[in-house]
PDB file of all heavy atoms in Angstrom:
ATOM      1  N   GLY A   1       0.811  -1.215  -0.017  1.00  0.00           N
ATOM      2  CA  GLY A   1      -0.044  -0.060   0.012  1.00  0.00           C
ATOM      3  C   GLY A   1       0.740   1.229  -0.121  1.00  0.00           C
ATOM      4  O   GLY A   1       0.484   2.350   0.450  1.00  0.00           O
ATOM      5  N   GLY A   2       2.060   1.131  -0.549  1.00  0.00           N
ATOM      6  CA  GLY A   2       3.092   2.157  -0.503  1.00  0.00           C
ATOM      7  C   GLY A   2       2.820   3.482  -1.224  1.00  0.00           C
ATOM      8  O   GLY A   2       3.412   4.441  -0.933  1.00  0.00           O
ATOM      9  N   ALA A   3       1.766   3.292  -2.186  1.00  0.00           N
ATOM     10  CA  ALA A   3       1.466   4.550  -2.885  1.00  0.00           C
ATOM     11  C   ALA A   3       0.150   5.258  -2.393  1.00  0.00           C
ATOM     12  O   ALA A   3      -0.366   6.069  -2.950  1.00  0.00           O
ATOM     13  CB  ALA A   3       1.189   4.102  -4.441  1.00  0.00           C
ATOM     14  N   GLY A   4      -0.270   4.655  -1.204  1.00  0.00           N
ATOM     15  CA  GLY A   4      -1.429   5.189  -0.538  1.00  0.00           C
ATOM     16  C   GLY A   4      -1.083   6.500   0.344  1.00  0.00           C
ATOM     17  O   GLY A   4      -0.024   6.925   0.399  1.00  0.00           O
ATOM     18  N   PHE A   5      -2.196   7.012   0.914  1.00  0.00           N
ATOM     19  CA  PHE A   5      -1.979   8.259   1.727  1.00  0.00           C
ATOM     20  C   PHE A   5      -0.915   7.871   2.932  1.00  0.00           C
ATOM     21  O   PHE A   5       0.152   8.441   3.003  1.00  0.00           O
ATOM     22  CB  PHE A   5      -3.342   8.481   2.423  1.00  0.00           C
ATOM     23  CG  PHE A   5      -3.289   9.344   3.659  1.00  0.00           C
ATOM     24  CD1 PHE A   5      -2.652  10.500   3.598  1.00  0.00           C
ATOM     25  CD2 PHE A   5      -4.033   8.973   4.739  1.00  0.00           C
ATOM     26  CE1 PHE A   5      -2.600  11.356   4.776  1.00  0.00           C
ATOM     27  CE2 PHE A   5      -3.989   9.801   5.928  1.00  0.00           C
ATOM     28  CZ  PHE A   5      -3.190  10.944   5.916  1.00  0.00           C
ATOM     29  N   LEU A   6      -1.219   6.843   3.725  1.00  0.00           N
ATOM     30  CA  LEU A   6      -0.251   6.526   4.881  1.00  0.00           C
ATOM     31  C   LEU A   6       0.941   5.915   4.315  1.00  0.00           C
ATOM     32  O   LEU A   6       2.091   6.213   4.743  1.00  0.00           O
ATOM     33  CB  LEU A   6      -0.999   5.520   5.876  1.00  0.00           C
ATOM     34  CG  LEU A   6      -2.101   6.110   6.660  1.00  0.00           C
ATOM     35  CD1 LEU A   6      -2.621   5.065   7.598  1.00  0.00           C
ATOM     36  CD2 LEU A   6      -1.668   7.352   7.474  1.00  0.00           C
ATOM     37  N   GLY A   7       0.835   5.051   3.336  1.00  0.00           N
ATOM     38  CA  GLY A   7       2.015   4.235   2.794  1.00  0.00           C
ATOM     39  C   GLY A   7       3.005   5.166   2.274  1.00  0.00           C
ATOM     40  O   GLY A   7       4.202   4.975   2.471  1.00  0.00           O
ATOM     41  N   SER A   8       2.676   6.200   1.501  1.00  0.00           N
ATOM     42  CA  SER A   8       3.608   7.130   0.947  1.00  0.00           C
ATOM     43  C   SER A   8       4.324   8.047   2.097  1.00  0.00           C
ATOM     44  O   SER A   8       5.615   8.212   1.876  1.00  0.00           O
ATOM     45  CB  SER A   8       2.919   8.102  -0.040  1.00  0.00           C
ATOM     46  OG  SER A   8       1.951   8.950   0.680  1.00  0.00           O
ATOM     47  N   HIS A   9       3.652   8.422   3.099  1.00  0.00           N
ATOM     48  CA  HIS A   9       4.314   9.071   4.218  1.00  0.00           C
ATOM     49  C   HIS A   9       5.260   8.059   4.884  1.00  0.00           C
ATOM     50  O   HIS A   9       6.261   8.591   5.383  1.00  0.00           O
ATOM     51  CB  HIS A   9       3.283   9.504   5.223  1.00  0.00           C
ATOM     52  CG  HIS A   9       2.566  10.746   4.687  1.00  0.00           C
ATOM     53  ND1 HIS A   9       3.024  12.045   4.893  1.00  0.00           N
ATOM     54  CD2 HIS A   9       1.422  11.043   4.119  1.00  0.00           C
ATOM     55  CE1 HIS A   9       2.220  12.839   4.273  1.00  0.00           C
ATOM     56  NE2 HIS A   9       1.156  12.250   3.855  1.00  0.00           N
ATOM     57  N   LEU A  10       4.947   6.760   5.058  1.00  0.00           N
ATOM     58  CA  LEU A  10       5.719   5.850   5.632  1.00  0.00           C
ATOM     59  C   LEU A  10       7.095   5.600   4.738  1.00  0.00           C
ATOM     60  O   LEU A  10       8.150   5.457   5.334  1.00  0.00           O
ATOM     61  CB  LEU A  10       5.127   4.509   5.810  1.00  0.00           C
ATOM     62  CG  LEU A  10       4.135   4.543   6.868  1.00  0.00           C
ATOM     63  CD1 LEU A  10       3.077   3.312   6.864  1.00  0.00           C
ATOM     64  CD2 LEU A  10       4.832   4.594   8.427  1.00  0.00           C
ATOM     65  N   CYS A  11       6.815   5.522   3.380  1.00  0.00           N
ATOM     66  CA  CYS A  11       8.037   5.452   2.507  1.00  0.00           C
ATOM     67  C   CYS A  11       9.026   6.683   2.766  1.00  0.00           C
ATOM     68  O   CYS A  11      10.215   6.483   3.020  1.00  0.00           O
ATOM     69  CB  CYS A  11       7.619   5.619   1.001  1.00  0.00           C
ATOM     70  SG  CYS A  11       6.739   4.096   0.372  1.00  0.00           S
ATOM     71  N   GLU A  12       8.561   7.854   2.975  1.00  0.00           N
ATOM     72  CA  GLU A  12       9.423   9.060   3.197  1.00  0.00           C
ATOM     73  C   GLU A  12      10.111   8.907   4.550  1.00  0.00           C
ATOM     74  O   GLU A  12      11.304   9.134   4.560  1.00  0.00           O
ATOM     75  CB  GLU A  12       8.471  10.255   3.161  1.00  0.00           C
ATOM     76  CG  GLU A  12       8.085  10.735   1.809  1.00  0.00           C
ATOM     77  CD  GLU A  12       7.169  11.957   1.850  1.00  0.00           C
ATOM     78  OE1 GLU A  12       6.567  12.292   2.871  1.00  0.00           O
ATOM     79  OE2 GLU A  12       7.086  12.730   0.795  1.00  0.00           O
ATOM     80  N   ARG A  13       9.373   8.495   5.555  1.00  0.00           N
ATOM     81  CA  ARG A  13       9.978   8.302   6.828  1.00  0.00           C
ATOM     82  C   ARG A  13      11.159   7.436   6.962  1.00  0.00           C
ATOM     83  O   ARG A  13      12.146   7.509   7.492  1.00  0.00           O
ATOM     84  CB  ARG A  13       8.953   8.041   7.814  1.00  0.00           C
ATOM     85  CG  ARG A  13       9.414   7.759   9.381  1.00  0.00           C
ATOM     86  CD  ARG A  13      10.113   9.069   9.905  1.00  0.00           C
ATOM     87  NE  ARG A  13      10.766   8.866  11.079  1.00  0.00           N
ATOM     88  CZ  ARG A  13      10.275   8.980  12.315  1.00  0.00           C
ATOM     89  NH1 ARG A  13       8.884   9.368  12.523  1.00  0.00           N
ATOM     90  NH2 ARG A  13      10.817   8.667  13.508  1.00  0.00           N
ATOM     91  N   PHE A  14      10.803   6.192   6.391  1.00  0.00           N
ATOM     92  CA  PHE A  14      11.826   5.178   6.506  1.00  0.00           C
ATOM     93  C   PHE A  14      13.102   5.427   5.529  1.00  0.00           C
ATOM     94  O   PHE A  14      14.206   5.247   5.890  1.00  0.00           O
ATOM     95  CB  PHE A  14      11.351   3.853   6.077  1.00  0.00           C
ATOM     96  CG  PHE A  14      10.651   3.164   7.301  1.00  0.00           C
ATOM     97  CD1 PHE A  14       9.308   3.474   7.645  1.00  0.00           C
ATOM     98  CD2 PHE A  14      11.220   2.559   8.298  1.00  0.00           C
ATOM     99  CE1 PHE A  14       8.617   3.042   8.826  1.00  0.00           C
ATOM    100  CE2 PHE A  14      10.760   2.028   9.525  1.00  0.00           C
ATOM    101  CZ  PHE A  14       9.288   2.310   9.638  1.00  0.00           C
ATOM    102  N   LEU A  15      12.852   6.177   4.447  1.00  0.00           N
ATOM    103  CA  LEU A  15      13.954   6.680   3.483  1.00  0.00           C
ATOM    104  C   LEU A  15      14.710   7.584   4.478  1.00  0.00           C
ATOM    105  O   LEU A  15      16.103   7.650   4.528  1.00  0.00           O
ATOM    106  CB  LEU A  15      13.523   7.279   2.333  1.00  0.00           C
ATOM    107  CG  LEU A  15      12.914   6.389   1.320  1.00  0.00           C
ATOM    108  CD1 LEU A  15      12.243   7.107   0.155  1.00  0.00           C
ATOM    109  CD2 LEU A  15      14.100   5.590   0.563  1.00  0.00           C
ATOM    110  N   LYS A  16      14.201   8.561   5.216  1.00  0.00           N
ATOM    111  CA  LYS A  16      14.809   9.492   5.941  1.00  0.00           C
ATOM    112  C   LYS A  16      15.610   8.818   6.989  1.00  0.00           C
ATOM    113  O   LYS A  16      16.708   9.411   7.519  1.00  0.00           O
ATOM    114  CB  LYS A  16      13.837  10.466   6.684  1.00  0.00           C
ATOM    115  CG  LYS A  16      14.237  11.598   7.345  1.00  0.00           C
ATOM    116  CD  LYS A  16      13.116  12.499   7.909  1.00  0.00           C
ATOM    117  CE  LYS A  16      13.591  13.475   9.069  1.00  0.00           C
ATOM    118  NZ  LYS A  16      12.525  14.059   9.684  1.00  0.00           N
ATOM    119  N   GLU A  17      15.076   7.718   7.599  1.00  0.00           N
ATOM    120  CA  GLU A  17      15.835   6.956   8.574  1.00  0.00           C
ATOM    121  C   GLU A  17      16.873   6.027   8.111  1.00  0.00           C
ATOM    122  O   GLU A  17      17.616   5.386   8.867  1.00  0.00           O
ATOM    123  CB  GLU A  17      14.793   6.069   9.448  1.00  0.00           C
ATOM    124  CG  GLU A  17      13.740   6.798  10.225  1.00  0.00           C
ATOM    125  CD  GLU A  17      14.316   7.678  11.449  1.00  0.00           C
ATOM    126  OE1 GLU A  17      15.393   7.372  11.731  1.00  0.00           O
ATOM    127  OE2 GLU A  17      13.516   8.581  11.833  1.00  0.00           O
ATOM    128  N   GLY A  18      17.117   6.155   6.765  1.00  0.00           N
ATOM    129  CA  GLY A  18      18.345   5.348   6.212  1.00  0.00           C
ATOM    130  C   GLY A  18      17.970   3.916   5.641  1.00  0.00           C
ATOM    131  O   GLY A  18      18.910   3.149   5.532  1.00  0.00           O
ATOM    132  N   TYR A  19      16.676   3.618   5.503  1.00  0.00           N
ATOM    133  CA  TYR A  19      16.323   2.314   5.009  1.00  0.00           C
ATOM    134  C   TYR A  19      16.214   2.306   3.466  1.00  0.00           C
ATOM    135  O   TYR A  19      16.148   3.301   2.862  1.00  0.00           O
ATOM    136  CB  TYR A  19      14.904   1.921   5.504  1.00  0.00           C
ATOM    137  CG  TYR A  19      14.864   1.739   7.055  1.00  0.00           C
ATOM    138  CD1 TYR A  19      15.034   2.738   8.077  1.00  0.00           C
ATOM    139  CD2 TYR A  19      14.639   0.421   7.434  1.00  0.00           C
ATOM    140  CE1 TYR A  19      14.945   2.349   9.393  1.00  0.00           C
ATOM    141  CE2 TYR A  19      14.571   0.033   8.837  1.00  0.00           C
ATOM    142  CZ  TYR A  19      14.695   1.126   9.783  1.00  0.00           C
ATOM    143  OH  TYR A  19      14.660   0.802  11.097  1.00  0.00           O
ATOM    144  N   TYR A  20      16.431   1.024   2.978  1.00  0.00           N
ATOM    145  CA  TYR A  20      16.096   0.753   1.594  1.00  0.00           C
ATOM    146  C   TYR A  20      14.722   0.423   1.427  1.00  0.00           C
ATOM    147  O   TYR A  20      14.301  -0.562   2.161  1.00  0.00           O
ATOM    148  CB  TYR A  20      16.988  -0.326   1.013  1.00  0.00           C
ATOM    149  CG  TYR A  20      16.791  -0.553  -0.456  1.00  0.00           C
ATOM    150  CD1 TYR A  20      17.870  -0.129  -1.491  1.00  0.00           C
ATOM    151  CD2 TYR A  20      15.858  -1.189  -0.970  1.00  0.00           C
ATOM    152  CE1 TYR A  20      17.700  -0.139  -2.690  1.00  0.00           C
ATOM    153  CE2 TYR A  20      15.639  -1.445  -2.325  1.00  0.00           C
ATOM    154  CZ  TYR A  20      16.642  -0.952  -3.151  1.00  0.00           C
ATOM    155  OH  TYR A  20      16.437  -1.112  -4.597  1.00  0.00           O
ATOM    156  N   VAL A  21      13.872   1.162   0.700  1.00  0.00           N
ATOM    157  CA  VAL A  21      12.365   1.003   0.847  1.00  0.00           C
ATOM    158  C   VAL A  21      11.831   0.408  -0.576  1.00  0.00           C
ATOM    159  O   VAL A  21      12.252   0.948  -1.560  1.00  0.00           O
ATOM    160  CB  VAL A  21      11.844   2.380   1.134  1.00  0.00           C
ATOM    161  CG1 VAL A  21      10.213   2.280   1.030  1.00  0.00           C
ATOM    162  CG2 VAL A  21      12.114   2.888   2.422  1.00  0.00           C
ATOM    163  N   ILE A  22      11.132  -0.606  -0.428  1.00  0.00           N
ATOM    164  CA  ILE A  22      10.406  -1.097  -1.476  1.00  0.00           C
ATOM    165  C   ILE A  22       8.811  -0.947  -1.226  1.00  0.00           C
ATOM    166  O   ILE A  22       8.317  -1.407  -0.340  1.00  0.00           O
ATOM    167  CB  ILE A  22      10.622  -2.679  -1.654  1.00  0.00           C
ATOM    168  CG1 ILE A  22      12.165  -2.801  -1.669  1.00  0.00           C
ATOM    169  CG2 ILE A  22       9.886  -3.307  -2.721  1.00  0.00           C
ATOM    170  CD1 ILE A  22      12.562  -4.320  -1.402  1.00  0.00           C
ATOM    171  N   ALA A  23       8.202  -0.168  -2.123  1.00  0.00           N
ATOM    172  CA  ALA A  23       6.784   0.167  -2.179  1.00  0.00           C
ATOM    173  C   ALA A  23       6.121  -0.805  -3.063  1.00  0.00           C
ATOM    174  O   ALA A  23       6.545  -1.008  -4.213  1.00  0.00           O
ATOM    175  CB  ALA A  23       6.599   1.613  -2.485  1.00  0.00           C
ATOM    176  N   MET A  24       4.984  -1.416  -2.472  1.00  0.00           N
ATOM    177  CA  MET A  24       4.210  -2.221  -3.463  1.00  0.00           C
ATOM    178  C   MET A  24       2.736  -1.817  -3.389  1.00  0.00           C
ATOM    179  O   MET A  24       2.263  -1.495  -2.279  1.00  0.00           O
ATOM    180  CB  MET A  24       4.292  -3.670  -2.960  1.00  0.00           C
ATOM    181  CG  MET A  24       3.777  -4.764  -3.751  1.00  0.00           C
ATOM    182  SD  MET A  24       4.060  -6.433  -3.109  1.00  0.00           S
ATOM    183  CE  MET A  24       5.681  -6.623  -3.539  1.00  0.00           C
ATOM    184  N   ASP A  25       2.220  -1.661  -4.590  1.00  0.00           N
ATOM    185  CA  ASP A  25       0.762  -1.166  -4.554  1.00  0.00           C
ATOM    186  C   ASP A  25       0.142  -1.489  -5.936  1.00  0.00           C
ATOM    187  O   ASP A  25       0.857  -1.602  -6.960  1.00  0.00           O
ATOM    188  CB  ASP A  25       0.794   0.380  -4.456  1.00  0.00           C
ATOM    189  CG  ASP A  25      -0.452   0.932  -3.879  1.00  0.00           C
ATOM    190  OD1 ASP A  25      -1.560   0.662  -4.536  1.00  0.00           O
ATOM    191  OD2 ASP A  25      -0.527   1.534  -2.803  1.00  0.00           O
ATOM    192  N   ASN A  26      -1.076  -1.922  -5.819  1.00  0.00           N
ATOM    193  CA  ASN A  26      -1.804  -2.254  -7.185  1.00  0.00           C
ATOM    194  C   ASN A  26      -2.598  -0.967  -7.695  1.00  0.00           C
ATOM    195  O   ASN A  26      -3.314  -1.072  -8.741  1.00  0.00           O
ATOM    196  CB  ASN A  26      -2.646  -3.527  -7.095  1.00  0.00           C
ATOM    197  CG  ASN A  26      -3.872  -3.248  -6.078  1.00  0.00           C
ATOM    198  OD1 ASN A  26      -4.002  -2.233  -5.407  1.00  0.00           O
ATOM    199  ND2 ASN A  26      -4.841  -4.093  -6.151  1.00  0.00           N
ATOM    200  N   LEU A  27      -2.562   0.080  -6.958  1.00  0.00           N
ATOM    201  CA  LEU A  27      -3.132   1.362  -7.226  1.00  0.00           C
ATOM    202  C   LEU A  27      -4.669   1.373  -7.351  1.00  0.00           C
ATOM    203  O   LEU A  27      -5.162   2.183  -8.039  1.00  0.00           O
ATOM    204  CB  LEU A  27      -2.398   1.932  -8.532  1.00  0.00           C
ATOM    205  CG  LEU A  27      -0.939   2.067  -8.517  1.00  0.00           C
ATOM    206  CD1 LEU A  27      -0.450   2.632  -9.959  1.00  0.00           C
ATOM    207  CD2 LEU A  27      -0.497   2.904  -7.468  1.00  0.00           C
ATOM    208  N   ILE A  28      -5.345   0.400  -6.853  1.00  0.00           N
ATOM    209  CA  ILE A  28      -6.786   0.573  -6.853  1.00  0.00           C
ATOM    210  C   ILE A  28      -7.337   1.641  -6.003  1.00  0.00           C
ATOM    211  O   ILE A  28      -8.358   2.335  -6.267  1.00  0.00           O
ATOM    212  CB  ILE A  28      -7.559  -0.797  -6.611  1.00  0.00           C
ATOM    213  CG1 ILE A  28      -7.306  -1.265  -5.111  1.00  0.00           C
ATOM    214  CG2 ILE A  28      -7.273  -1.882  -7.568  1.00  0.00           C
ATOM    215  CD1 ILE A  28      -8.306  -2.334  -4.679  1.00  0.00           C
ATOM    216  N   THR A  29      -6.634   2.032  -4.873  1.00  0.00           N
ATOM    217  CA  THR A  29      -7.014   3.226  -4.192  1.00  0.00           C
ATOM    218  C   THR A  29      -5.727   4.205  -4.005  1.00  0.00           C
ATOM    219  O   THR A  29      -5.878   5.326  -3.659  1.00  0.00           O
ATOM    220  CB  THR A  29      -7.603   2.957  -2.841  1.00  0.00           C
ATOM    221  OG1 THR A  29      -6.566   2.257  -2.015  1.00  0.00           O
ATOM    222  CG2 THR A  29      -8.845   2.159  -3.025  1.00  0.00           C
ATOM    223  N   GLY A  30      -4.604   3.615  -4.284  1.00  0.00           N
ATOM    224  CA  GLY A  30      -3.350   4.253  -4.098  1.00  0.00           C
ATOM    225  C   GLY A  30      -3.111   5.189  -5.446  1.00  0.00           C
ATOM    226  O   GLY A  30      -3.877   5.055  -6.408  1.00  0.00           O
ATOM    227  N   ASN A  31      -2.156   6.139  -5.338  1.00  0.00           N
ATOM    228  CA  ASN A  31      -1.919   6.969  -6.444  1.00  0.00           C
ATOM    229  C   ASN A  31      -0.430   7.015  -6.706  1.00  0.00           C
ATOM    230  O   ASN A  31       0.429   7.574  -5.714  1.00  0.00           O
ATOM    231  CB  ASN A  31      -2.585   8.365  -6.227  1.00  0.00           C
ATOM    232  CG  ASN A  31      -2.552   9.301  -7.380  1.00  0.00           C
ATOM    233  OD1 ASN A  31      -1.615   9.153  -8.223  1.00  0.00           O
ATOM    234  ND2 ASN A  31      -3.378  10.148  -7.536  1.00  0.00           N
ATOM    235  N   ILE A  32       0.143   6.708  -7.895  1.00  0.00           N
ATOM    236  CA  ILE A  32       1.531   6.898  -8.044  1.00  0.00           C
ATOM    237  C   ILE A  32       2.086   8.258  -7.919  1.00  0.00           C
ATOM    238  O   ILE A  32       3.359   8.302  -7.573  1.00  0.00           O
ATOM    239  CB  ILE A  32       1.839   6.336  -9.768  1.00  0.00           C
ATOM    240  CG1 ILE A  32       3.287   5.967  -9.762  1.00  0.00           C
ATOM    241  CG2 ILE A  32       1.485   7.364 -10.629  1.00  0.00           C
ATOM    242  CD1 ILE A  32       3.557   4.532  -8.969  1.00  0.00           C
ATOM    243  N   LYS A  33       1.301   9.256  -8.040  1.00  0.00           N
ATOM    244  CA  LYS A  33       1.680  10.655  -7.798  1.00  0.00           C
ATOM    245  C   LYS A  33       2.247  10.843  -6.348  1.00  0.00           C
ATOM    246  O   LYS A  33       3.069  11.687  -6.056  1.00  0.00           O
ATOM    247  CB  LYS A  33       0.620  11.648  -8.149  1.00  0.00           C
ATOM    248  CG  LYS A  33       0.283  11.755  -9.618  1.00  0.00           C
ATOM    249  CD  LYS A  33      -0.707  12.781  -9.797  1.00  0.00           C
ATOM    250  CE  LYS A  33      -1.093  12.850 -11.390  1.00  0.00           C
ATOM    251  NZ  LYS A  33      -2.253  13.858 -11.509  1.00  0.00           N
ATOM    252  N   ASN A  34       1.739   9.967  -5.443  1.00  0.00           N
ATOM    253  CA  ASN A  34       2.043  10.177  -4.017  1.00  0.00           C
ATOM    254  C   ASN A  34       3.619   9.708  -3.741  1.00  0.00           C
ATOM    255  O   ASN A  34       4.242  10.167  -2.806  1.00  0.00           O
ATOM    256  CB  ASN A  34       1.325   9.222  -3.039  1.00  0.00           C
ATOM    257  CG  ASN A  34      -0.193   9.770  -3.009  1.00  0.00           C
ATOM    258  OD1 ASN A  34      -0.548  10.882  -3.166  1.00  0.00           O
ATOM    259  ND2 ASN A  34      -1.014   8.937  -2.642  1.00  0.00           N
ATOM    260  N   ILE A  35       4.234   9.059  -4.791  1.00  0.00           N
ATOM    261  CA  ILE A  35       5.602   8.543  -4.571  1.00  0.00           C
ATOM    262  C   ILE A  35       6.410   8.902  -5.838  1.00  0.00           C
ATOM    263  O   ILE A  35       7.681   8.363  -5.826  1.00  0.00           O
ATOM    264  CB  ILE A  35       5.646   6.959  -4.257  1.00  0.00           C
ATOM    265  CG1 ILE A  35       4.917   6.104  -5.380  1.00  0.00           C
ATOM    266  CG2 ILE A  35       5.102   6.630  -2.870  1.00  0.00           C
ATOM    267  CD1 ILE A  35       5.117   4.677  -5.198  1.00  0.00           C
ATOM    268  N   GLU A  36       5.879   9.614  -6.681  1.00  0.00           N
ATOM    269  CA  GLU A  36       6.684   9.904  -7.807  1.00  0.00           C
ATOM    270  C   GLU A  36       7.969  10.578  -7.508  1.00  0.00           C
ATOM    271  O   GLU A  36       9.024  10.413  -8.075  1.00  0.00           O
ATOM    272  CB  GLU A  36       5.717  10.952  -8.789  1.00  0.00           C
ATOM    273  CG  GLU A  36       5.186  10.191  -9.938  1.00  0.00           C
ATOM    274  CD  GLU A  36       4.405  11.096 -10.875  1.00  0.00           C
ATOM    275  OE1 GLU A  36       4.168  12.234 -10.577  1.00  0.00           O
ATOM    276  OE2 GLU A  36       3.957  10.623 -11.892  1.00  0.00           O
ATOM    277  N   HIS A  37       7.989  11.491  -6.513  1.00  0.00           N
ATOM    278  CA  HIS A  37       9.106  12.235  -6.203  1.00  0.00           C
ATOM    279  C   HIS A  37      10.238  11.485  -5.569  1.00  0.00           C
ATOM    280  O   HIS A  37      11.407  11.824  -5.313  1.00  0.00           O
ATOM    281  CB  HIS A  37       8.681  13.313  -5.103  1.00  0.00           C
ATOM    282  CG  HIS A  37       8.210  12.809  -3.809  1.00  0.00           C
ATOM    283  ND1 HIS A  37       6.943  12.198  -3.808  1.00  0.00           N
ATOM    284  CD2 HIS A  37       8.571  12.881  -2.515  1.00  0.00           C
ATOM    285  CE1 HIS A  37       6.779  11.812  -2.486  1.00  0.00           C
ATOM    286  NE2 HIS A  37       7.739  12.261  -1.754  1.00  0.00           N
TER     287      HIS A  37
END
């Protein structure tokens, strides 16, 4: 759910903490624009 509302914020937080992040989403409610950056 990494392209969703909460998922995208979590991606940012764990990148900031120095993790390698893999986001997975089928985009039925998520939006690729949330993680494009």
